[in-house]
PDB file of N, CA and C in Angstrom:
ATOM      1  N   UNK A   1     101.178 254.199 174.529  1.00  0.00           N
ATOM      2  CA  UNK A   1      99.958 253.724 175.327  1.00  0.00           C
ATOM      3  C   UNK A   1      99.497 254.476 176.473  1.00  0.00           C
ATOM      4  N   UNK A   2      98.256 254.589 176.463  1.00  0.00           N
ATOM      5  CA  UNK A   2      97.711 255.678 177.667  1.00  0.00           C
ATOM      6  C   UNK A   2      97.240 254.686 178.845  1.00  0.00           C
ATOM      7  N   UNK A   3      97.473 255.039 179.826  1.00  0.00           N
ATOM      8  CA  UNK A   3      97.040 254.041 181.207  1.00  0.00           C
ATOM      9  C   UNK A   3      95.712 254.600 181.764  1.00  0.00           C
ATOM     10  N   UNK A   4      94.641 253.803 182.143  1.00  0.00           N
ATOM     11  CA  UNK A   4      93.667 254.095 182.428  1.00  0.00           C
ATOM     12  C   UNK A   4      93.229 253.210 184.079  1.00  0.00           C
ATOM     13  N   UNK A   5      92.410 253.957 184.841  1.00  0.00           N
ATOM     14  CA  UNK A   5      92.051 253.656 185.928  1.00  0.00           C
ATOM     15  C   UNK A   5      90.975 252.566 186.032  1.00  0.00           C
ATOM     16  N   UNK A   6      90.361 252.588 185.156  1.00  0.00           N
ATOM     17  CA  UNK A   6      89.010 251.637 184.884  1.00  0.00           C
ATOM     18  C   UNK A   6      88.770 251.326 183.575  1.00  0.00           C
ATOM     19  N   UNK A   7      88.148 250.209 183.575  1.00  0.00           N
ATOM     20  CA  UNK A   7      87.601 249.652 182.085  1.00  0.00           C
ATOM     21  C   UNK A   7      86.673 250.535 181.328  1.00  0.00           C
ATOM     22  N   UNK A   8      85.783 251.465 182.121  1.00  0.00           N
ATOM     23  CA  UNK A   8      84.789 252.160 181.727  1.00  0.00           C
ATOM     24  C   UNK A   8      85.514 253.518 181.264  1.00  0.00           C
ATOM     25  N   UNK A   9      86.627 254.070 181.902  1.00  0.00           N
ATOM     26  CA  UNK A   9      87.157 255.163 181.327  1.00  0.00           C
ATOM     27  C   UNK A   9      87.823 254.931 180.050  1.00  0.00           C
ATOM     28  N   UNK A  10      88.642 253.781 180.096  1.00  0.00           N
ATOM     29  CA  UNK A  10      89.082 253.459 178.799  1.00  0.00           C
ATOM     30  C   UNK A  10      88.335 253.294 177.592  1.00  0.00           C
ATOM     31  N   UNK A  11      87.306 252.670 177.653  1.00  0.00           N
ATOM     32  CA  UNK A  11      86.117 252.623 176.776  1.00  0.00           C
ATOM     33  C   UNK A  11      85.569 253.724 176.554  1.00  0.00           C
ATOM     34  N   UNK A  12      85.188 254.472 177.455  1.00  0.00           N
ATOM     35  CA  UNK A  12      84.679 255.791 176.787  1.00  0.00           C
ATOM     36  C   UNK A  12      85.866 256.870 176.132  1.00  0.00           C
ATOM     37  N   UNK A  13      86.933 256.509 176.645  1.00  0.00           N
ATOM     38  CA  UNK A  13      88.086 257.442 175.736  1.00  0.00           C
ATOM     39  C   UNK A  13      88.068 256.867 174.360  1.00  0.00           C
ATOM     40  N   UNK A  14      88.070 255.565 174.142  1.00  0.00           N
ATOM     41  CA  UNK A  14      88.010 254.926 172.976  1.00  0.00           C
ATOM     42  C   UNK A  14      87.015 255.364 172.022  1.00  0.00           C
ATOM     43  N   UNK A  15      85.979 255.465 172.537  1.00  0.00           N
ATOM     44  CA  UNK A  15      84.728 255.836 171.722  1.00  0.00           C
ATOM     45  C   UNK A  15      84.798 257.328 171.176  1.00  0.00           C
ATOM     46  N   UNK A  16      85.273 258.144 172.080  1.00  0.00           N
ATOM     47  CA  UNK A  16      85.776 259.480 171.829  1.00  0.00           C
ATOM     48  C   UNK A  16      86.612 259.945 170.589  1.00  0.00           C
ATOM     49  N   UNK A  17      87.639 258.747 170.737  1.00  0.00           N
ATOM     50  CA  UNK A  17      88.627 258.720 169.553  1.00  0.00           C
ATOM     51  C   UNK A  17      88.108 257.909 168.318  1.00  0.00           C
ATOM     52  N   UNK A  18      86.790 257.807 168.224  1.00  0.00           N
ATOM     53  CA  UNK A  18      86.203 257.289 166.824  1.00  0.00           C
ATOM     54  C   UNK A  18      85.912 255.508 166.790  1.00  0.00           C
ATOM     55  N   UNK A  19      86.213 254.957 167.994  1.00  0.00           N
ATOM     56  CA  UNK A  19      86.387 253.431 168.127  1.00  0.00           C
ATOM     57  C   UNK A  19      85.091 253.198 168.791  1.00  0.00           C
ATOM     58  N   UNK A  20      83.894 253.136 168.163  1.00  0.00           N
ATOM     59  CA  UNK A  20      82.599 252.862 168.881  1.00  0.00           C
ATOM     60  C   UNK A  20      82.161 251.958 168.784  1.00  0.00           C
ATOM     61  N   UNK A  21      82.214 251.143 167.690  1.00  0.00           N
ATOM     62  CA  UNK A  21      81.736 249.952 167.695  1.00  0.00           C
ATOM     63  C   UNK A  21      82.212 248.852 168.505  1.00  0.00           C
ATOM     64  N   UNK A  22      81.132 248.077 169.181  1.00  0.00           N
ATOM     65  CA  UNK A  22      81.954 247.113 169.706  1.00  0.00           C
ATOM     66  C   UNK A  22      81.834 245.524 169.308  1.00  0.00           C
ATOM     67  N   UNK A  23      82.831 245.090 169.191  1.00  0.00           N
ATOM     68  CA  UNK A  23      82.818 243.606 168.234  1.00  0.00           C
ATOM     69  C   UNK A  23      82.948 242.536 169.273  1.00  0.00           C
ATOM     70  N   UNK A  24      82.419 241.340 169.042  1.00  0.00           N
ATOM     71  CA  UNK A  24      82.648 240.224 169.972  1.00  0.00           C
ATOM     72  C   UNK A  24      83.630 239.046 169.128  1.00  0.00           C
ATOM     73  N   UNK A  25      84.675 238.845 170.098  1.00  0.00           N
ATOM     74  CA  UNK A  25      85.517 237.689 169.402  1.00  0.00           C
ATOM     75  C   UNK A  25      84.919 236.349 169.435  1.00  0.00           C
ATOM     76  N   UNK A  26      85.192 235.839 168.230  1.00  0.00           N
ATOM     77  CA  UNK A  26      84.730 234.192 168.099  1.00  0.00           C
ATOM     78  C   UNK A  26      85.902 233.224 167.905  1.00  0.00           C
ATOM     79  N   UNK A  27      85.634 232.129 167.569  1.00  0.00           N
ATOM     80  CA  UNK A  27      86.719 231.058 167.258  1.00  0.00           C
ATOM     81  C   UNK A  27      87.651 231.691 166.159  1.00  0.00           C
ATOM     82  N   UNK A  28      86.861 232.131 165.102  1.00  0.00           N
ATOM     83  CA  UNK A  28      87.747 232.445 163.725  1.00  0.00           C
ATOM     84  C   UNK A  28      87.174 233.776 163.198  1.00  0.00           C
ATOM     85  N   UNK A  29      86.500 234.429 163.824  1.00  0.00           N
ATOM     86  CA  UNK A  29      85.834 235.669 163.320  1.00  0.00           C
ATOM     87  C   UNK A  29      85.458 236.797 164.412  1.00  0.00           C
ATOM     88  N   UNK A  30      85.290 237.887 163.901  1.00  0.00           N
ATOM     89  CA  UNK A  30      84.989 238.928 165.145  1.00  0.00           C
ATOM     90  C   UNK A  30      83.455 239.376 164.378  1.00  0.00           C
ATOM     91  N   UNK A  31      82.553 239.715 165.282  1.00  0.00           N
ATOM     92  CA  UNK A  31      81.249 240.031 165.059  1.00  0.00           C
ATOM     93  C   UNK A  31      80.911 241.584 165.533  1.00  0.00           C
ATOM     94  N   UNK A  32      80.265 242.289 164.684  1.00  0.00           N
ATOM     95  CA  UNK A  32      79.923 243.691 165.317  1.00  0.00           C
ATOM     96  C   UNK A  32      78.503 243.446 165.847  1.00  0.00           C
ATOM     97  N   UNK A  33      78.296 243.980 166.877  1.00  0.00           N
ATOM     98  CA  UNK A  33      77.255 243.699 167.825  1.00  0.00           C
ATOM     99  C   UNK A  33      76.122 244.426 167.467  1.00  0.00           C
ATOM    100  N   UNK A  34      76.160 245.640 166.901  1.00  0.00           N
ATOM    101  CA  UNK A  34      74.903 246.376 166.496  1.00  0.00           C
ATOM    102  C   UNK A  34      74.295 245.808 164.864  1.00  0.00           C
ATOM    103  N   UNK A  35      75.406 245.392 164.001  1.00  0.00           N
ATOM    104  CA  UNK A  35      75.041 244.996 162.659  1.00  0.00           C
ATOM    105  C   UNK A  35      74.822 243.483 162.533  1.00  0.00           C
ATOM    106  N   UNK A  36      75.625 242.842 163.491  1.00  0.00           N
ATOM    107  CA  UNK A  36      75.873 241.218 163.340  1.00  0.00           C
ATOM    108  C   UNK A  36      76.632 240.922 162.357  1.00  0.00           C
ATOM    109  N   UNK A  37      77.514 242.038 161.224  1.00  0.00           N
ATOM    110  CA  UNK A  37      78.058 241.413 160.459  1.00  0.00           C
ATOM    111  C   UNK A  37      79.369 241.066 161.021  1.00  0.00           C
ATOM    112  N   UNK A  38      79.806 239.792 160.437  1.00  0.00           N
ATOM    113  CA  UNK A  38      81.021 239.223 160.782  1.00  0.00           C
ATOM    114  C   UNK A  38      82.130 239.444 159.994  1.00  0.00           C
ATOM    115  N   UNK A  39      83.479 239.203 160.491  1.00  0.00           N
ATOM    116  CA  UNK A  39      84.692 239.891 159.714  1.00  0.00           C
ATOM    117  C   UNK A  39      85.779 238.412 160.254  1.00  0.00           C
ATOM    118  N   UNK A  40      86.251 238.057 159.015  1.00  0.00           N
ATOM    119  CA  UNK A  40      87.438 237.134 159.057  1.00  0.00           C
ATOM    120  C   UNK A  40      88.751 237.880 159.486  1.00  0.00           C
ATOM    121  N   UNK A  41      89.635 237.256 159.892  1.00  0.00           N
ATOM    122  CA  UNK A  41      91.057 237.745 160.275  1.00  0.00           C
ATOM    123  C   UNK A  41      91.752 238.555 159.376  1.00  0.00           C
ATOM    124  N   UNK A  42      91.309 238.323 158.019  1.00  0.00           N
ATOM    125  CA  UNK A  42      91.852 238.942 156.902  1.00  0.00           C
ATOM    126  C   UNK A  42      91.056 240.522 156.612  1.00  0.00           C
ATOM    127  N   UNK A  43      89.833 240.865 157.325  1.00  0.00           N
ATOM    128  CA  UNK A  43      89.116 241.608 156.995  1.00  0.00           C
ATOM    129  C   UNK A  43      89.282 242.714 158.085  1.00  0.00           C
ATOM    130  N   UNK A  44      90.138 242.930 158.987  1.00  0.00           N
ATOM    131  CA  UNK A  44      90.453 243.698 159.788  1.00  0.00           C
ATOM    132  C   UNK A  44      91.851 244.021 160.002  1.00  0.00           C
ATOM    133  N   UNK A  45      92.185 245.103 160.774  1.00  0.00           N
ATOM    134  CA  UNK A  45      93.746 245.459 161.115  1.00  0.00           C
ATOM    135  C   UNK A  45      93.542 245.685 162.714  1.00  0.00           C
ATOM    136  N   UNK A  46      94.412 245.416 163.419  1.00  0.00           N
ATOM    137  CA  UNK A  46      94.654 245.688 164.606  1.00  0.00           C
ATOM    138  C   UNK A  46      95.559 247.228 164.769  1.00  0.00           C
ATOM    139  N   UNK A  47      94.898 247.934 165.460  1.00  0.00           N
ATOM    140  CA  UNK A  47      95.368 249.333 165.471  1.00  0.00           C
ATOM    141  C   UNK A  47      96.372 249.513 166.735  1.00  0.00           C
ATOM    142  N   UNK A  48      95.638 248.989 167.703  1.00  0.00           N
ATOM    143  CA  UNK A  48      96.217 249.002 169.162  1.00  0.00           C
ATOM    144  C   UNK A  48      95.939 248.006 169.841  1.00  0.00           C
ATOM    145  N   UNK A  49      96.805 247.614 170.728  1.00  0.00           N
ATOM    146  CA  UNK A  49      96.273 246.623 171.949  1.00  0.00           C
ATOM    147  C   UNK A  49      96.694 247.400 173.234  1.00  0.00           C
ATOM    148  N   UNK A  50      95.632 247.274 174.316  1.00  0.00           N
ATOM    149  CA  UNK A  50      95.664 247.797 175.707  1.00  0.00           C
ATOM    150  C   UNK A  50      95.358 246.775 176.455  1.00  0.00           C
ATOM    151  N   UNK A  51      96.053 246.854 177.730  1.00  0.00           N
ATOM    152  CA  UNK A  51      95.791 246.165 178.802  1.00  0.00           C
ATOM    153  C   UNK A  51      95.250 246.730 179.989  1.00  0.00           C
ATOM    154  N   UNK A  52      94.168 246.506 180.514  1.00  0.00           N
ATOM    155  CA  UNK A  52      93.560 247.049 181.552  1.00  0.00           C
ATOM    156  C   UNK A  52      93.526 246.031 182.692  1.00  0.00           C
ATOM    157  N   UNK A  53      94.089 246.760 184.168  1.00  0.00           N
ATOM    158  CA  UNK A  53      93.883 245.798 185.237  1.00  0.00           C
ATOM    159  C   UNK A  53      92.908 246.484 186.072  1.00  0.00           C
ATOM    160  N   UNK A  54      91.925 245.802 186.269  1.00  0.00           N
ATOM    161  CA  UNK A  54      90.798 246.163 187.233  1.00  0.00           C
ATOM    162  C   UNK A  54      90.257 244.831 187.963  1.00  0.00           C
ATOM    163  N   UNK A  55      90.428 245.142 189.328  1.00  0.00           N
ATOM    164  CA  UNK A  55      89.794 244.109 190.487  1.00  0.00           C
ATOM    165  C   UNK A  55      90.741 242.739 190.320  1.00  0.00           C
ATOM    166  N   UNK A  56      91.987 242.866 190.103  1.00  0.00           N
ATOM    167  CA  UNK A  56      92.771 241.668 189.907  1.00  0.00           C
ATOM    168  C   UNK A  56      92.651 241.086 188.492  1.00  0.00           C
ATOM    169  N   UNK A  57      91.442 241.496 187.610  1.00  0.00           N
ATOM    170  CA  UNK A  57      91.751 240.858 186.415  1.00  0.00           C
ATOM    171  C   UNK A  57      92.140 241.659 185.213  1.00  0.00           C
ATOM    172  N   UNK A  58      92.927 241.082 184.417  1.00  0.00           N
ATOM    173  CA  UNK A  58      93.671 241.836 183.266  1.00  0.00           C
ATOM    174  C   UNK A  58      92.844 241.517 181.848  1.00  0.00           C
ATOM    175  N   UNK A  59      92.292 242.856 181.372  1.00  0.00           N
ATOM    176  CA  UNK A  59      91.431 242.924 180.397  1.00  0.00           C
ATOM    177  C   UNK A  59      92.203 243.245 178.944  1.00  0.00           C
ATOM    178  N   UNK A  60      92.203 242.699 178.098  1.00  0.00           N
ATOM    179  CA  UNK A  60      92.720 243.215 176.981  1.00  0.00           C
ATOM    180  C   UNK A  60      91.874 243.712 175.902  1.00  0.00           C
ATOM    181  N   UNK A  61      92.214 245.074 175.674  1.00  0.00           N
ATOM    182  CA  UNK A  61      91.204 245.910 174.426  1.00  0.00           C
ATOM    183  C   UNK A  61      92.051 246.269 173.148  1.00  0.00           C
ATOM    184  N   UNK A  62      91.394 245.505 172.358  1.00  0.00           N
ATOM    185  CA  UNK A  62      91.966 245.442 170.858  1.00  0.00           C
ATOM    186  C   UNK A  62      91.342 246.470 170.008  1.00  0.00           C
ATOM    187  N   UNK A  63      91.916 247.711 169.800  1.00  0.00           N
ATOM    188  CA  UNK A  63      91.128 248.563 168.861  1.00  0.00           C
ATOM    189  C   UNK A  63      91.621 248.481 167.494  1.00  0.00           C
ATOM    190  N   UNK A  64      90.409 248.074 166.578  1.00  0.00           N
ATOM    191  CA  UNK A  64      90.445 247.737 165.319  1.00  0.00           C
ATOM    192  C   UNK A  64      89.773 248.766 164.269  1.00  0.00           C
ATOM    193  N   UNK A  65      90.089 248.306 162.860  1.00  0.00           N
ATOM    194  CA  UNK A  65      89.486 249.016 161.967  1.00  0.00           C
ATOM    195  C   UNK A  65      89.041 247.830 160.965  1.00  0.00           C
ATOM    196  N   UNK A  66      87.944 247.851 160.329  1.00  0.00           N
ATOM    197  CA  UNK A  66      87.586 246.635 159.477  1.00  0.00           C
ATOM    198  C   UNK A  66      88.009 247.206 158.239  1.00  0.00           C
ATOM    199  N   UNK A  67      88.011 246.439 157.076  1.00  0.00           N
ATOM    200  CA  UNK A  67      88.286 246.608 155.866  1.00  0.00           C
ATOM    201  C   UNK A  67      87.324 247.861 154.956  1.00  0.00           C
ATOM    202  N   UNK A  68      86.366 247.856 155.509  1.00  0.00           N
ATOM    203  CA  UNK A  68      85.235 248.839 154.982  1.00  0.00           C
ATOM    204  C   UNK A  68      85.032 250.161 156.021  1.00  0.00           C
ATOM    205  N   UNK A  69      86.153 250.418 156.894  1.00  0.00           N
ATOM    206  CA  UNK A  69      86.104 251.472 157.578  1.00  0.00           C
ATOM    207  C   UNK A  69      85.416 251.445 159.049  1.00  0.00           C
ATOM    208  N   UNK A  70      84.747 250.804 159.367  1.00  0.00           N
ATOM    209  CA  UNK A  70      84.215 250.468 160.867  1.00  0.00           C
ATOM    210  C   UNK A  70      85.478 250.410 161.727  1.00  0.00           C
ATOM    211  N   UNK A  71      85.187 251.329 162.756  1.00  0.00           N
ATOM    212  CA  UNK A  71      86.548 251.476 163.955  1.00  0.00           C
ATOM    213  C   UNK A  71      85.770 250.985 165.198  1.00  0.00           C
ATOM    214  N   UNK A  72      86.411 250.182 165.861  1.00  0.00           N
ATOM    215  CA  UNK A  72      85.815 249.555 166.905  1.00  0.00           C
ATOM    216  C   UNK A  72      86.660 248.798 168.048  1.00  0.00           C
ATOM    217  N   UNK A  73      86.295 248.353 168.641  1.00  0.00           N
ATOM    218  CA  UNK A  73      87.076 247.542 169.942  1.00  0.00           C
ATOM    219  C   UNK A  73      86.899 246.129 170.200  1.00  0.00           C
ATOM    220  N   UNK A  74      87.578 245.296 170.506  1.00  0.00           N
ATOM    221  CA  UNK A  74      86.994 243.963 170.957  1.00  0.00           C
ATOM    222  C   UNK A  74      87.628 244.095 172.537  1.00  0.00           C
ATOM    223  N   UNK A  75      86.795 243.234 173.238  1.00  0.00           N
ATOM    224  CA  UNK A  75      87.184 243.191 174.508  1.00  0.00           C
ATOM    225  C   UNK A  75      87.251 241.859 174.943  1.00  0.00           C
ATOM    226  N   UNK A  76      88.518 241.585 175.431  1.00  0.00           N
ATOM    227  CA  UNK A  76      88.797 239.820 175.878  1.00  0.00           C
ATOM    228  C   UNK A  76      89.274 239.647 177.171  1.00  0.00           C
ATOM    229  N   UNK A  77      88.757 239.136 177.991  1.00  0.00           N
ATOM    230  CA  UNK A  77      89.293 238.922 179.356  1.00  0.00           C
ATOM    231  C   UNK A  77      90.084 237.418 179.221  1.00  0.00           C
ATOM    232  N   UNK A  78      91.201 237.172 179.822  1.00  0.00           N
ATOM    233  CA  UNK A  78      92.008 235.925 179.826  1.00  0.00           C
ATOM    234  C   UNK A  78      91.584 235.083 181.039  1.00  0.00           C
ATOM    235  N   UNK A  79      90.290 234.876 181.161  1.00  0.00           N
ATOM    236  CA  UNK A  79      89.995 233.928 182.178  1.00  0.00           C
ATOM    237  C   UNK A  79      89.974 232.573 181.927  1.00  0.00           C
ATOM    238  N   UNK A  80      89.585 231.760 182.873  1.00  0.00           N
ATOM    239  CA  UNK A  80      89.377 230.122 182.512  1.00  0.00           C
ATOM    240  C   UNK A  80      88.111 229.919 181.714  1.00  0.00           C
ATOM    241  N   UNK A  81      86.987 230.836 181.773  1.00  0.00           N
ATOM    242  CA  UNK A  81      86.024 230.625 180.883  1.00  0.00           C
ATOM    243  C   UNK A  81      85.937 231.386 179.549  1.00  0.00           C
ATOM    244  N   UNK A  82      87.083 231.994 179.058  1.00  0.00           N
ATOM    245  CA  UNK A  82      87.424 232.479 177.851  1.00  0.00           C
ATOM    246  C   UNK A  82      87.049 231.502 176.884  1.00  0.00           C
ATOM    247  N   UNK A  83      86.216 231.931 175.792  1.00  0.00           N
ATOM    248  CA  UNK A  83      85.806 231.055 174.453  1.00  0.00           C
ATOM    249  C   UNK A  83      87.175 230.704 173.840  1.00  0.00           C
ATOM    250  N   UNK A  84      87.324 229.649 173.199  1.00  0.00           N
ATOM    251  CA  UNK A  84      88.752 229.381 172.416  1.00  0.00           C
ATOM    252  C   UNK A  84      88.520 230.122 171.086  1.00  0.00           C
ATOM    253  N   UNK A  85      89.969 230.378 170.715  1.00  0.00           N
ATOM    254  CA  UNK A  85      89.813 231.159 169.116  1.00  0.00           C
ATOM    255  C   UNK A  85      91.053 230.266 168.424  1.00  0.00           C
ATOM    256  N   UNK A  86      90.933 230.727 167.317  1.00  0.00           N
ATOM    257  CA  UNK A  86      91.782 229.804 166.443  1.00  0.00           C
ATOM    258  C   UNK A  86      93.240 230.384 166.430  1.00  0.00           C
ATOM    259  N   UNK A  87      94.001 229.589 165.920  1.00  0.00           N
ATOM    260  CA  UNK A  87      95.516 230.097 165.809  1.00  0.00           C
ATOM    261  C   UNK A  87      95.564 231.348 164.754  1.00  0.00           C
ATOM    262  N   UNK A  88      94.751 231.422 163.894  1.00  0.00           N
ATOM    263  CA  UNK A  88      95.115 232.500 162.847  1.00  0.00           C
ATOM    264  C   UNK A  88      94.643 233.988 163.916  1.00  0.00           C
ATOM    265  N   UNK A  89      93.494 233.506 164.345  1.00  0.00           N
ATOM    266  CA  UNK A  89      92.999 234.782 165.346  1.00  0.00           C
ATOM    267  C   UNK A  89      94.104 235.224 166.335  1.00  0.00           C
ATOM    268  N   UNK A  90      94.597 234.205 167.113  1.00  0.00           N
ATOM    269  CA  UNK A  90      95.678 234.512 168.180  1.00  0.00           C
ATOM    270  C   UNK A  90      97.009 235.448 167.636  1.00  0.00           C
ATOM    271  N   UNK A  91      97.207 234.841 166.605  1.00  0.00           N
ATOM    272  CA  UNK A  91      98.306 235.346 165.493  1.00  0.00           C
ATOM    273  C   UNK A  91      97.898 236.677 165.167  1.00  0.00           C
ATOM    274  N   UNK A  92      96.648 237.140 164.858  1.00  0.00           N
ATOM    275  CA  UNK A  92      96.577 238.524 164.308  1.00  0.00           C
ATOM    276  C   UNK A  92      96.375 239.250 165.309  1.00  0.00           C
ATOM    277  N   UNK A  93      95.816 239.103 166.786  1.00  0.00           N
ATOM    278  CA  UNK A  93      95.547 239.740 167.843  1.00  0.00           C
ATOM    279  C   UNK A  93      97.069 240.003 168.374  1.00  0.00           C
ATOM    280  N   UNK A  94      98.039 239.001 168.200  1.00  0.00           N
ATOM    281  CA  UNK A  94      99.442 239.024 169.083  1.00  0.00           C
ATOM    282  C   UNK A  94     100.263 240.227 168.385  1.00  0.00           C
ATOM    283  N   UNK A  95      99.974 240.100 167.102  1.00  0.00           N
ATOM    284  CA  UNK A  95     101.176 240.671 166.399  1.00  0.00           C
ATOM    285  C   UNK A  95     101.552 242.434 166.427  1.00  0.00           C
ATOM    286  N   UNK A  96     100.420 242.911 167.308  1.00  0.00           N
ATOM    287  CA  UNK A  96     100.816 244.255 167.393  1.00  0.00           C
ATOM    288  C   UNK A  96     100.917 244.562 168.866  1.00  0.00           C
ATOM    289  N   UNK A  97     102.324 245.101 169.127  1.00  0.00           N
ATOM    290  CA  UNK A  97     102.554 245.572 170.426  1.00  0.00           C
ATOM    291  C   UNK A  97     102.856 247.059 170.399  1.00  0.00           C
ATOM    292  N   UNK A  98     102.946 247.623 169.429  1.00  0.00           N
ATOM    293  CA  UNK A  98     103.177 249.177 169.178  1.00  0.00           C
ATOM    294  C   UNK A  98     101.829 249.770 168.762  1.00  0.00           C
ATOM    295  N   UNK A  99     101.239 250.609 169.546  1.00  0.00           N
ATOM    296  CA  UNK A  99     100.377 251.469 169.185  1.00  0.00           C
ATOM    297  C   UNK A  99     100.322 252.226 167.996  1.00  0.00           C
ATOM    298  N   UNK A 100      99.375 252.447 167.229  1.00  0.00           N
ATOM    299  CA  UNK A 100      99.450 253.196 165.911  1.00  0.00           C
ATOM    300  C   UNK A 100      98.880 254.595 166.089  1.00  0.00           C
ATOM    301  N   UNK A 101      98.307 254.647 167.152  1.00  0.00           N
ATOM    302  CA  UNK A 101      97.347 256.036 167.611  1.00  0.00           C
ATOM    303  C   UNK A 101      98.412 256.824 168.030  1.00  0.00           C
ATOM    304  N   UNK A 102      98.351 258.129 167.699  1.00  0.00           N
ATOM    305  CA  UNK A 102      99.017 259.283 168.206  1.00  0.00           C
ATOM    306  C   UNK A 102      99.106 259.575 169.393  1.00  0.00           C
TER     307      UNK A 102
END
C-alpha cells in the first residue's frame, strides 16, 4: 500500500497506473461517470483499497476492474452525509484488505 500526502496526488498516481475511469457508488451498483454504464456487485472486482486522510477526513479509494476490462476508482468518504449502500456492496468493498497491485 502506498501512502499519499493528498487526495489529488493519489488520484493522479492511480490514473498513471491505468485506473483512469471514475465510478460513482450507489446503493447496489457503481456507475462509470463518462459512459453512465452501471455495474452490479458481481460485474467488478476490487483490486485495492486505500485510505487517505486529508484535513481530518478519511477518504476511501477503491481501485476496481470491471468484467469488461475497464479500470478505475471509486471514492467514498465516510461522512454523515454518505449515501446508503446495500449489504452486498458493503461486503464487496470490505473483502479486500490486501492490495493486488505490485
